[in-house]
């Protein structure tokens, strides 16, 4: 099996796991729908150029920060776990569709493939 398809499958698994966890927490689905696309606001960085756009997009679309938010939420503020799950679900959904982290050349150059 090609690594690209494994990365897509991982994205799908992350997306599904976040949906299940979010549903288990019992938060309103309207929050999920309302906030699901918020990370894509980071694409506005491309208005300043490809290098800045890629940097901002990658900062918001790496799993590091929602995982840290989720871990911190468990210990300090459990209500933030819902936001971490929505954020991570967004990243998983993007990976499932083939949208990866961006190279500073242009928006369509990603670590998964050329989109």
N, C-alpha and C. Protein backbone atom coordinates (compact mmCIF):
# COMPACT_ATOMS: atom_id res chain seq x y z
N UNK A 1 0.85 -1.18 0.00
CA UNK A 1 0.00 0.00 0.00
C UNK A 1 0.89 1.24 0.00
N UNK A 2 0.50 2.22 -0.76
CA UNK A 2 1.28 3.45 -0.87
C UNK A 2 1.12 4.32 0.37
N UNK A 3 2.21 4.97 0.82
CA UNK A 3 2.14 5.81 2.01
C UNK A 3 1.09 6.91 1.91
N UNK A 4 0.89 7.45 0.72
CA UNK A 4 -0.10 8.52 0.55
C UNK A 4 -1.48 8.07 1.01
N UNK A 5 -1.87 6.86 0.66
CA UNK A 5 -3.19 6.35 1.03
C UNK A 5 -3.27 6.05 2.52
N UNK A 6 -2.14 5.66 3.11
CA UNK A 6 -2.12 5.46 4.56
C UNK A 6 -2.34 6.80 5.29
N UNK A 7 -1.75 7.86 4.76
CA UNK A 7 -1.94 9.18 5.36
C UNK A 7 -3.39 9.64 5.24
N UNK A 8 -4.02 9.34 4.11
CA UNK A 8 -5.44 9.66 3.95
C UNK A 8 -6.28 8.85 4.95
N UNK A 9 -5.94 7.57 5.10
CA UNK A 9 -6.67 6.72 6.05
C UNK A 9 -6.47 7.20 7.48
N UNK A 10 -5.26 7.63 7.82
CA UNK A 10 -5.02 8.19 9.16
C UNK A 10 -5.88 9.42 9.39
N UNK A 11 -5.97 10.28 8.39
CA UNK A 11 -6.82 11.46 8.51
C UNK A 11 -8.26 11.09 8.76
N UNK A 12 -8.75 10.08 8.02
CA UNK A 12 -10.13 9.62 8.21
C UNK A 12 -10.33 9.06 9.61
N UNK A 13 -9.34 8.33 10.11
CA UNK A 13 -9.43 7.75 11.45
C UNK A 13 -9.45 8.85 12.52
N UNK A 14 -8.62 9.87 12.34
CA UNK A 14 -8.60 10.99 13.29
C UNK A 14 -9.94 11.72 13.27
N UNK A 15 -10.45 11.97 12.08
CA UNK A 15 -11.74 12.65 11.94
C UNK A 15 -12.85 11.85 12.64
N UNK A 16 -12.91 10.56 12.36
CA UNK A 16 -13.94 9.71 12.95
C UNK A 16 -13.80 9.62 14.47
N UNK A 17 -12.57 9.46 14.95
CA UNK A 17 -12.34 9.38 16.40
C UNK A 17 -12.77 10.67 17.09
N UNK A 18 -12.49 11.80 16.47
CA UNK A 18 -12.89 13.09 17.06
C UNK A 18 -14.40 13.25 17.07
N UNK A 19 -15.07 12.81 16.00
CA UNK A 19 -16.53 12.85 15.97
C UNK A 19 -17.13 12.01 17.10
N UNK A 20 -16.60 10.81 17.28
CA UNK A 20 -17.10 9.91 18.32
C UNK A 20 -16.85 10.51 19.70
N UNK A 21 -15.64 11.00 19.93
CA UNK A 21 -15.31 11.58 21.24
C UNK A 21 -16.17 12.82 21.51
N UNK A 22 -16.35 13.65 20.50
CA UNK A 22 -17.16 14.86 20.67
C UNK A 22 -18.61 14.48 21.00
N UNK A 23 -19.14 13.51 20.28
CA UNK A 23 -20.50 13.04 20.56
C UNK A 23 -20.63 12.47 21.96
N UNK A 24 -19.60 11.77 22.41
CA UNK A 24 -19.61 11.17 23.74
C UNK A 24 -19.61 12.24 24.85
N UNK A 25 -18.96 13.36 24.57
CA UNK A 25 -18.92 14.45 25.56
C UNK A 25 -20.27 15.12 25.74
N UNK A 26 -21.12 15.00 24.73
CA UNK A 26 -22.47 15.55 24.84
C UNK A 26 -22.58 17.03 24.56
N UNK A 27 -21.57 17.62 23.93
CA UNK A 27 -21.66 19.03 23.56
C UNK A 27 -22.60 19.19 22.37
N UNK A 28 -23.12 20.37 22.21
CA UNK A 28 -24.04 20.63 21.11
C UNK A 28 -23.35 20.55 19.75
N UNK A 29 -24.01 19.91 18.81
CA UNK A 29 -23.44 19.77 17.47
C UNK A 29 -23.42 21.09 16.72
N UNK A 30 -24.20 22.05 17.15
CA UNK A 30 -24.19 23.34 16.48
C UNK A 30 -22.83 24.01 16.68
N UNK A 31 -22.19 23.79 17.84
CA UNK A 31 -20.83 24.30 18.06
C UNK A 31 -19.86 23.68 17.07
N UNK A 32 -20.01 22.38 16.87
CA UNK A 32 -19.13 21.66 15.95
C UNK A 32 -19.25 22.24 14.54
N UNK A 33 -20.49 22.38 14.09
CA UNK A 33 -20.73 22.90 12.74
C UNK A 33 -20.22 24.35 12.62
N UNK A 34 -20.48 25.15 13.64
CA UNK A 34 -20.10 26.57 13.59
C UNK A 34 -18.59 26.77 13.59
N UNK A 35 -17.85 25.88 14.25
CA UNK A 35 -16.40 26.09 14.42
C UNK A 35 -15.54 25.22 13.52
N UNK A 36 -16.13 24.29 12.81
CA UNK A 36 -15.36 23.31 12.05
C UNK A 36 -14.42 23.95 11.02
N UNK A 37 -14.84 24.98 10.35
CA UNK A 37 -14.02 25.60 9.31
C UNK A 37 -13.17 26.78 9.79
N UNK A 38 -13.25 27.11 11.06
CA UNK A 38 -12.49 28.25 11.59
C UNK A 38 -10.99 28.15 11.31
N UNK A 39 -10.36 26.97 11.42
CA UNK A 39 -8.92 26.92 11.11
C UNK A 39 -8.56 27.37 9.70
N UNK A 40 -9.50 27.31 8.78
CA UNK A 40 -9.20 27.72 7.41
C UNK A 40 -9.06 29.23 7.25
N UNK A 41 -9.41 29.97 8.28
CA UNK A 41 -9.16 31.42 8.26
C UNK A 41 -7.66 31.68 8.11
N UNK A 42 -6.85 30.72 8.52
CA UNK A 42 -5.39 30.87 8.41
C UNK A 42 -4.93 31.01 6.96
N UNK A 43 -5.77 30.64 6.01
CA UNK A 43 -5.41 30.80 4.60
C UNK A 43 -5.28 32.27 4.21
N UNK A 44 -5.83 33.15 5.02
CA UNK A 44 -5.69 34.59 4.74
C UNK A 44 -4.23 35.02 4.76
N UNK A 45 -3.37 34.23 5.40
CA UNK A 45 -1.95 34.52 5.39
C UNK A 45 -1.36 34.56 3.99
N UNK A 46 -2.02 33.86 3.07
CA UNK A 46 -1.55 33.86 1.68
C UNK A 46 -1.73 35.23 1.01
N UNK A 47 -2.52 36.10 1.59
CA UNK A 47 -2.65 37.46 1.07
C UNK A 47 -1.34 38.23 1.22
N UNK A 48 -0.52 37.77 2.17
CA UNK A 48 0.77 38.41 2.42
C UNK A 48 1.89 37.74 1.64
N UNK A 49 1.60 36.61 1.01
CA UNK A 49 2.60 35.89 0.23
C UNK A 49 2.60 34.41 0.56
N UNK A 50 3.20 33.62 -0.32
CA UNK A 50 3.20 32.17 -0.16
C UNK A 50 3.96 31.72 1.09
N UNK A 51 5.08 32.35 1.37
CA UNK A 51 5.88 31.94 2.53
C UNK A 51 5.13 32.21 3.84
N UNK A 52 4.57 33.39 3.98
CA UNK A 52 3.79 33.73 5.18
C UNK A 52 2.53 32.88 5.27
N UNK A 53 1.89 32.68 4.14
CA UNK A 53 0.67 31.88 4.12
C UNK A 53 0.92 30.45 4.54
N UNK A 54 1.99 29.86 4.01
CA UNK A 54 2.33 28.48 4.37
C UNK A 54 2.66 28.38 5.86
N UNK A 55 3.41 29.35 6.37
CA UNK A 55 3.79 29.33 7.77
C UNK A 55 2.56 29.38 8.67
N UNK A 56 1.64 30.30 8.40
CA UNK A 56 0.44 30.43 9.23
C UNK A 56 -0.48 29.23 9.07
N UNK A 57 -0.67 28.78 7.84
CA UNK A 57 -1.52 27.62 7.59
C UNK A 57 -0.97 26.39 8.33
N UNK A 58 0.33 26.16 8.23
CA UNK A 58 0.94 25.00 8.89
C UNK A 58 0.86 25.11 10.40
N UNK A 59 1.02 26.30 10.92
CA UNK A 59 0.91 26.51 12.37
C UNK A 59 -0.45 26.08 12.88
N UNK A 60 -1.50 26.41 12.14
CA UNK A 60 -2.87 26.11 12.55
C UNK A 60 -3.28 24.68 12.18
N UNK A 61 -2.63 24.08 11.19
CA UNK A 61 -3.04 22.76 10.71
C UNK A 61 -2.10 21.62 11.11
N UNK A 62 -1.27 21.84 12.10
CA UNK A 62 -0.48 20.76 12.64
C UNK A 62 -1.20 20.21 13.87
N UNK A 63 -1.05 18.92 14.13
CA UNK A 63 -1.77 18.30 15.25
C UNK A 63 -1.23 18.73 16.62
N UNK A 64 -0.06 19.31 16.64
CA UNK A 64 0.61 19.65 17.90
C UNK A 64 -0.26 20.51 18.82
N UNK A 65 -0.83 21.57 18.30
CA UNK A 65 -1.56 22.51 19.15
C UNK A 65 -2.92 22.00 19.63
N UNK A 66 -3.73 21.35 18.79
CA UNK A 66 -4.98 20.82 19.35
C UNK A 66 -4.74 19.68 20.34
N UNK A 67 -3.68 18.91 20.15
CA UNK A 67 -3.36 17.85 21.12
C UNK A 67 -2.95 18.49 22.45
N UNK A 68 -2.12 19.54 22.38
CA UNK A 68 -1.72 20.23 23.61
C UNK A 68 -2.92 20.87 24.30
N UNK A 69 -3.80 21.49 23.53
CA UNK A 69 -5.01 22.08 24.10
C UNK A 69 -5.88 21.01 24.75
N UNK A 70 -6.04 19.88 24.08
CA UNK A 70 -6.83 18.79 24.64
C UNK A 70 -6.23 18.23 25.91
N UNK A 71 -4.92 18.06 25.93
CA UNK A 71 -4.26 17.54 27.13
C UNK A 71 -4.40 18.52 28.29
N UNK A 72 -4.19 19.79 27.99
CA UNK A 72 -4.36 20.80 29.03
C UNK A 72 -5.79 20.91 29.50
N UNK A 73 -6.72 20.75 28.59
CA UNK A 73 -8.13 20.83 28.94
C UNK A 73 -8.52 19.73 29.92
N UNK A 74 -7.99 18.55 29.73
CA UNK A 74 -8.33 17.43 30.60
C UNK A 74 -7.98 17.76 32.05
N UNK A 75 -6.86 18.43 32.24
CA UNK A 75 -6.39 18.71 33.60
C UNK A 75 -6.85 20.06 34.15
N UNK A 76 -7.03 21.04 33.29
CA UNK A 76 -7.26 22.39 33.78
C UNK A 76 -8.63 22.98 33.45
N UNK A 77 -9.13 22.72 32.27
CA UNK A 77 -10.42 23.29 31.87
C UNK A 77 -11.09 22.33 30.89
N UNK A 78 -11.83 21.35 31.42
CA UNK A 78 -12.43 20.32 30.57
C UNK A 78 -13.32 20.86 29.45
N UNK A 79 -13.90 22.03 29.62
CA UNK A 79 -14.77 22.57 28.57
C UNK A 79 -14.01 22.85 27.28
N UNK A 80 -12.70 23.06 27.36
CA UNK A 80 -11.90 23.33 26.16
C UNK A 80 -11.64 22.07 25.34
N UNK A 81 -11.90 20.91 25.90
CA UNK A 81 -11.70 19.67 25.16
C UNK A 81 -12.56 19.63 23.90
N UNK A 82 -13.75 20.18 23.97
CA UNK A 82 -14.63 20.21 22.79
C UNK A 82 -13.97 20.99 21.66
N UNK A 83 -13.34 22.11 21.97
CA UNK A 83 -12.68 22.91 20.94
C UNK A 83 -11.48 22.18 20.36
N UNK A 84 -10.73 21.49 21.21
CA UNK A 84 -9.59 20.71 20.73
C UNK A 84 -10.06 19.60 19.78
N UNK A 85 -11.17 18.97 20.10
CA UNK A 85 -11.69 17.90 19.24
C UNK A 85 -12.19 18.44 17.90
N UNK A 86 -12.82 19.59 17.92
CA UNK A 86 -13.29 20.21 16.67
C UNK A 86 -12.09 20.57 15.80
N UNK A 87 -11.07 21.14 16.41
CA UNK A 87 -9.85 21.54 15.70
C UNK A 87 -9.17 20.31 15.10
N UNK A 88 -9.03 19.27 15.91
CA UNK A 88 -8.37 18.05 15.43
C UNK A 88 -9.21 17.36 14.35
N UNK A 89 -10.53 17.39 14.50
CA UNK A 89 -11.40 16.81 13.47
C UNK A 89 -11.20 17.53 12.14
N UNK A 90 -11.06 18.84 12.19
CA UNK A 90 -10.82 19.61 10.98
C UNK A 90 -9.52 19.16 10.31
N UNK A 91 -8.48 19.01 11.08
CA UNK A 91 -7.19 18.58 10.52
C UNK A 91 -7.31 17.19 9.93
N UNK A 92 -7.96 16.27 10.65
CA UNK A 92 -8.16 14.93 10.12
C UNK A 92 -8.95 14.93 8.83
N UNK A 93 -9.98 15.75 8.78
CA UNK A 93 -10.81 15.85 7.57
C UNK A 93 -9.97 16.36 6.39
N UNK A 94 -9.17 17.39 6.64
CA UNK A 94 -8.29 17.90 5.59
C UNK A 94 -7.34 16.81 5.08
N UNK A 95 -6.72 16.08 6.00
CA UNK A 95 -5.79 15.01 5.60
C UNK A 95 -6.52 13.91 4.83
N UNK A 96 -7.71 13.60 5.26
CA UNK A 96 -8.51 12.58 4.57
C UNK A 96 -8.74 12.99 3.11
N UNK A 97 -8.98 14.28 2.88
CA UNK A 97 -9.22 14.78 1.54
C UNK A 97 -7.94 15.01 0.73
N UNK A 98 -6.79 14.91 1.40
CA UNK A 98 -5.53 15.08 0.71
C UNK A 98 -4.89 16.44 0.87
N UNK A 99 -5.45 17.28 1.72
CA UNK A 99 -4.86 18.60 1.98
C UNK A 99 -3.85 18.45 3.10
N UNK A 100 -2.61 18.65 2.76
CA UNK A 100 -1.55 18.49 3.76
C UNK A 100 -0.96 19.82 4.16
N UNK A 101 0.11 19.73 4.92
CA UNK A 101 0.86 20.92 5.30
C UNK A 101 1.49 21.51 4.05
N UNK A 102 1.63 22.81 4.03
CA UNK A 102 2.02 23.52 2.81
C UNK A 102 3.52 23.80 2.77
N UNK A 103 4.07 23.70 1.56
CA UNK A 103 5.42 24.17 1.30
C UNK A 103 5.33 25.66 0.95
N UNK A 104 6.41 26.41 1.17
CA UNK A 104 6.33 27.87 0.97
C UNK A 104 6.34 28.30 -0.50
N UNK A 105 6.24 27.38 -1.42
CA UNK A 105 6.27 27.73 -2.84
C UNK A 105 4.91 28.24 -3.32
N UNK A 106 3.86 27.43 -3.09
CA UNK A 106 2.50 27.84 -3.43
C UNK A 106 1.51 26.98 -2.66
N UNK A 107 0.28 27.44 -2.60
CA UNK A 107 -0.74 26.78 -1.77
C UNK A 107 -0.96 25.32 -2.15
N UNK A 108 -0.82 24.99 -3.40
CA UNK A 108 -1.11 23.63 -3.85
C UNK A 108 0.00 22.63 -3.59
N UNK A 109 1.17 23.08 -3.15
CA UNK A 109 2.28 22.18 -2.83
C UNK A 109 2.18 21.75 -1.37
N UNK A 110 1.80 20.49 -1.14
CA UNK A 110 1.61 19.99 0.21
C UNK A 110 2.48 18.78 0.48
N UNK A 111 2.57 18.38 1.74
CA UNK A 111 3.38 17.21 2.09
C UNK A 111 2.71 15.91 1.64
N UNK A 112 1.45 15.95 1.28
CA UNK A 112 0.76 14.75 0.81
C UNK A 112 0.83 14.60 -0.71
N UNK A 113 0.71 15.69 -1.40
CA UNK A 113 0.74 15.67 -2.87
C UNK A 113 0.50 17.08 -3.36
N UNK A 114 0.53 17.22 -4.65
CA UNK A 114 0.15 18.50 -5.24
C UNK A 114 -1.37 18.50 -5.40
N UNK A 115 -2.02 19.48 -4.82
CA UNK A 115 -3.48 19.55 -4.85
C UNK A 115 -3.93 20.31 -6.09
